[in-house]
Structures are given as structure tokens and as C-alpha cells.
Amino acid sequence: MDIFDALAARHMTRAFTGAPPSADGLDALLYALTRGPSAGNTASVETLVLEGDDVDQYWQITLPEERRSGFRWPGLLLAPVLLIPTVAPDDYLKRYSESDKAHSGLGEAALAWPVPYWWVDGGAAVENVLLTAAALELGVCFFGQFEHETSVSAHFGIPTARRSLGTIAVGEPDRESDRKSWSSQRPTRSASDRTHWGRW
């Protein structure tokens, strides 16, 4: 599958069969997380992989049993692997305090960054995973941790200096049970409608 096919095929899977990805498939996704652009080659993205009982513990923290009866996508909970990619803003401050970057002033504080590139780099890394999964015909769903980030990080020992980008569920897609989200049913604006040439 070439990049254009992967772009067309990329979507969020919200129902899984429970079958795990192959070891090679999972390795490919983890490799993809390291291949995004990185400001100053800071290489801050690090990923926690959850399998087996750890997946169950994740869902107990974020979606306890008593709240599951009304959950719209129960098949999401069957994903056998969860990836939690993280970034550390302090990594960028340290990198931009080094001699070749210090002139930028970006090493002084996180607020010195007009655009916090740890989020930009992290987002690019996540998109690499989504495209790689499409190319491998794996199911993936990227979703936010929101109010659960602190408790998830504490439970799994993610250092407090690191911020989770969200969670990526991975596994074999259950195509018969998978349902689109309400958001995905909104009309999609064309590329020409979203592109401005020369002047806005």
C-alpha cells in the first residue's frame, strides 16, 4: 500500500476482535512513533506499551465497570494492546539551552515557545502510527485521556515530567461490529476548500 492509499484508508477503529497484532506489526507501529519530525532533534517521544492485565487496569481507571453499560463502543475495550505516547516539555527546554540553540531563547521557559513543539512533534508521531496501521490493515483508535491523565500516569509509573498525548488502541479490527462516530459522519471539506494560495 502506498502513502496515498494509506491516507485514504486511515480511520479510527472502535471495535476489535481481541486478536493481538503480530510482533512485527507492533514493532512497526513503535518504530513509526520514532520517525516523526522533532524540533532540534530533541527526540522526546517515548511510549508505554500495555498488554494483558495492564489493559484491564487501564480501563478500570478510565472506564470502571459501573460506567460501561451505556458505553457506545464496547468493542473498543477488546483492543489487546494500548500505546501511550508521551512527550516531556523539559526535554525541549534542555535541548534549546544547548549552544547551537541558545540564541533562540526557547530554552528559558515553556512559555517562551509561541507554538509548543512538543505537541506538534507528538502529533506527527501519532499520525505516523495511524498511517502505518492503515498500511498494515491493523485497527487503531487514538483517543484522549483528558481528566484521567494524572491517574493513568501515576498508576503506570509515567514520570511526572512527561505528558501523555493520549492512548492508541491497537488490534485486529472487527469490521462487522465497527460503527462510525457521530463526528465522522459530518461532511468533510475538500482540500481545495481548505487551501489558500498567495493570500487568505
Protein backbone atom coordinates (compact mmCIF):
# COMPACT_ATOMS: atom_id res chain seq x y z
CA MET A 1 0.00 0.00 0.00
CA ASP A 2 1.50 3.36 -0.97
CA ILE A 3 1.19 6.55 1.08
CA PHE A 4 -1.85 7.81 -0.83
CA ASP A 5 -3.70 4.54 -0.28
CA ALA A 6 -2.81 4.70 3.43
CA LEU A 7 -4.10 8.27 3.65
CA ALA A 8 -7.38 7.21 2.05
CA ALA A 9 -7.70 4.11 4.25
CA ARG A 10 -6.80 5.76 7.56
CA HIS A 11 -9.65 5.79 10.06
CA MET A 12 -10.35 5.15 13.73
CA THR A 13 -11.37 1.60 14.62
CA ARG A 14 -13.79 1.39 17.53
CA ALA A 15 -14.38 -2.36 17.57
CA PHE A 16 -11.71 -5.04 17.87
CA THR A 17 -11.80 -8.83 17.70
CA GLY A 18 -9.42 -9.21 20.65
CA ALA A 19 -6.72 -10.80 18.46
CA PRO A 20 -3.34 -9.15 19.03
CA PRO A 21 -1.24 -7.63 16.27
CA SER A 22 1.73 -9.67 15.13
CA ALA A 23 5.04 -8.93 16.83
CA ASP A 24 6.29 -7.47 13.55
CA GLY A 25 3.18 -5.30 13.24
CA LEU A 26 3.57 -3.92 16.75
CA ASP A 27 7.27 -3.30 16.17
CA ALA A 28 6.37 -1.37 13.00
CA LEU A 29 3.99 0.88 14.95
CA LEU A 30 6.57 1.51 17.67
CA TYR A 31 9.16 2.32 15.01
CA ALA A 32 6.71 4.74 13.36
CA LEU A 33 6.42 6.60 16.68
CA THR A 34 10.14 7.39 16.50
CA ARG A 35 10.14 8.58 12.89
CA GLY A 36 8.23 11.84 13.18
CA PRO A 37 9.87 15.23 12.82
CA SER A 38 11.43 16.54 16.01
CA ALA A 39 12.32 20.17 16.74
CA GLY A 40 16.07 20.35 17.28
CA ASN A 41 16.14 16.54 17.01
CA THR A 42 15.01 16.55 20.64
CA ALA A 43 13.56 13.03 20.18
CA SER A 44 11.30 13.38 23.20
CA VAL A 45 8.54 10.92 22.23
CA GLU A 46 8.63 7.83 24.47
CA THR A 47 5.88 5.24 24.57
CA LEU A 48 4.39 2.95 27.22
CA VAL A 49 3.01 -0.34 25.85
CA LEU A 50 0.18 -2.02 27.76
CA GLU A 51 -0.87 -5.64 27.18
CA GLY A 52 -2.81 -8.31 29.11
CA ASP A 53 -3.79 -7.36 32.64
CA ASP A 54 -2.36 -3.87 32.19
CA VAL A 55 -5.02 -3.16 29.54
CA ASP A 56 -7.72 -4.23 32.01
CA GLN A 57 -6.23 -1.96 34.67
CA TYR A 58 -6.20 0.95 32.22
CA TRP A 59 -9.93 0.53 31.57
CA GLN A 60 -10.68 0.14 35.29
CA ILE A 61 -9.10 3.57 35.82
CA THR A 62 -10.68 5.35 32.86
CA LEU A 63 -13.98 3.49 32.40
CA PRO A 64 -14.91 1.47 35.50
CA GLU A 65 -17.35 -1.46 35.18
CA GLU A 66 -20.29 0.54 36.56
CA ARG A 67 -20.00 3.07 33.71
CA ARG A 68 -19.69 0.60 30.84
CA SER A 69 -23.32 -0.33 30.28
CA GLY A 70 -24.02 2.86 28.35
CA PHE A 71 -20.67 2.99 26.56
CA ARG A 72 -21.26 3.42 22.82
CA TRP A 73 -18.22 1.40 21.67
CA PRO A 74 -17.86 -1.73 23.84
CA GLY A 75 -15.70 -3.31 21.12
CA LEU A 76 -13.03 -0.71 21.82
CA LEU A 77 -12.40 -2.38 25.17
CA LEU A 78 -11.38 -5.57 23.33
CA ALA A 79 -8.24 -3.96 21.89
CA PRO A 80 -5.42 -6.21 23.15
CA VAL A 81 -2.73 -3.51 23.09
CA LEU A 82 -2.75 0.10 24.25
CA LEU A 83 0.05 2.51 23.40
CA ILE A 84 0.56 5.65 25.47
CA PRO A 85 2.94 8.00 23.64
CA THR A 86 4.37 10.75 25.83
CA VAL A 87 6.45 13.90 25.50
CA ALA A 88 8.46 15.90 28.03
CA PRO A 89 8.41 19.70 27.60
CA ASP A 90 11.57 19.93 29.71
CA ASP A 91 13.43 17.93 27.05
CA TYR A 92 12.84 20.82 24.66
CA LEU A 93 13.98 23.42 27.17
CA LYS A 94 17.20 21.48 27.76
CA ARG A 95 17.80 21.00 24.04
CA TYR A 96 17.19 24.66 23.28
CA SER A 97 19.56 25.68 26.08
CA GLU A 98 22.43 23.95 24.24
CA SER A 99 24.99 26.12 22.48
CA ASP A 100 23.61 25.73 18.94
CA LYS A 101 20.07 26.67 20.01
CA ALA A 102 20.51 29.01 22.99
CA HIS A 103 20.27 32.13 20.79
CA SER A 104 16.58 31.31 20.21
CA GLY A 105 15.64 31.99 23.85
CA LEU A 106 13.40 28.91 23.75
CA GLY A 107 15.38 27.18 26.46
CA GLU A 108 14.31 29.70 29.09
CA ALA A 109 10.75 28.52 29.77
CA ALA A 110 7.87 26.62 28.18
CA LEU A 111 6.01 29.91 27.79
CA ALA A 112 8.82 31.16 25.54
CA TRP A 113 7.55 28.85 22.81
CA PRO A 114 4.87 30.63 20.69
CA VAL A 115 3.94 27.13 19.47
CA PRO A 116 4.80 24.32 21.94
CA TYR A 117 6.56 21.98 19.53
CA TRP A 118 6.37 19.00 21.89
CA TRP A 119 2.69 18.79 20.92
CA VAL A 120 3.46 19.28 17.22
CA ASP A 121 6.13 16.57 17.23
CA GLY A 122 3.92 14.27 19.29
CA GLY A 123 1.01 14.72 16.91
CA ALA A 124 3.24 13.90 13.94
CA ALA A 125 4.41 10.73 15.70
CA VAL A 126 0.82 9.65 16.35
CA GLU A 127 -0.14 10.26 12.72
CA ASN A 128 2.78 8.05 11.67
CA VAL A 129 1.23 5.25 13.72
CA LEU A 130 -2.21 5.78 12.19
CA LEU A 131 -0.82 5.66 8.64
CA THR A 132 1.39 2.66 9.37
CA ALA A 133 -1.60 0.82 10.83
CA ALA A 134 -3.63 1.61 7.71
CA ALA A 135 -0.82 0.25 5.53
CA LEU A 136 -0.69 -2.95 7.63
CA GLU A 137 -4.51 -3.22 7.79
CA LEU A 138 -4.39 -3.08 11.59
CA GLY A 139 -7.12 -1.44 13.64
CA VAL A 140 -6.14 1.60 15.70
CA CYS A 141 -8.04 4.25 17.61
CA PHE A 142 -6.39 7.33 19.06
CA PHE A 143 -8.31 8.96 21.91
CA GLY A 144 -7.63 11.43 24.72
CA GLN A 145 -7.16 10.61 28.38
CA PHE A 146 -8.50 14.01 29.46
CA GLU A 147 -9.26 14.04 33.20
CA HIS A 148 -7.71 10.58 33.63
CA GLU A 149 -4.18 11.52 32.55
CA THR A 150 -2.88 12.08 36.08
CA SER A 151 -4.31 8.84 37.50
CA VAL A 152 -3.19 6.76 34.48
CA SER A 153 0.32 8.21 34.68
CA ALA A 154 0.53 7.60 38.43
CA HIS A 155 -0.74 4.01 38.17
CA PHE A 156 1.68 3.02 35.42
CA GLY A 157 4.68 4.98 36.70
CA ILE A 158 4.90 7.53 33.89
CA PRO A 159 7.27 10.25 35.18
CA THR A 160 5.51 13.45 36.24
CA ALA A 161 7.65 15.48 33.80
CA ARG A 162 6.06 13.58 30.90
CA ARG A 163 2.70 14.40 29.33
CA SER A 164 0.60 11.76 27.62
CA LEU A 165 -0.55 12.60 24.12
CA GLY A 166 -3.47 10.22 24.57
CA THR A 167 -3.93 6.49 24.07
CA ILE A 168 -3.79 4.39 20.91
CA ALA A 169 -5.78 1.15 20.95
CA VAL A 170 -4.28 -1.47 18.63
CA GLY A 171 -5.51 -4.83 17.36
CA GLU A 172 -7.33 -6.72 14.67
CA PRO A 173 -10.38 -4.71 13.58
CA ASP A 174 -13.85 -6.21 13.93
CA ARG A 175 -15.20 -4.79 10.69
CA GLU A 176 -18.71 -6.19 11.15
CA SER A 177 -19.23 -4.55 14.55
CA ASP A 178 -17.33 -1.32 13.95
CA ARG A 179 -19.54 1.77 13.90
CA LYS A 180 -18.59 5.25 12.84
CA SER A 181 -18.58 8.05 15.37
CA TRP A 182 -21.04 10.91 15.07
CA SER A 183 -18.15 13.23 14.25
CA SER A 184 -17.00 11.09 11.31
CA GLN A 185 -20.43 11.46 9.73
CA ARG A 186 -20.06 15.21 9.38
CA PRO A 187 -19.36 16.42 5.83
CA THR A 188 -15.64 16.63 5.06
CA ARG A 189 -14.38 19.82 3.47
CA SER A 190 -12.34 19.31 0.31
CA ALA A 191 -8.62 20.09 0.07
CA SER A 192 -9.36 22.95 -2.34
CA ASP A 193 -11.84 24.40 0.15
CA ARG A 194 -9.14 24.41 2.86
CA THR A 195 -6.21 25.75 0.81
CA HIS A 196 -5.32 29.41 0.25
CA TRP A 197 -2.87 30.47 -2.46
CA GLY A 198 -0.80 33.62 -2.10
CA ARG A 199 -3.23 35.41 0.21
CA TRP A 200 -6.02 34.28 2.53
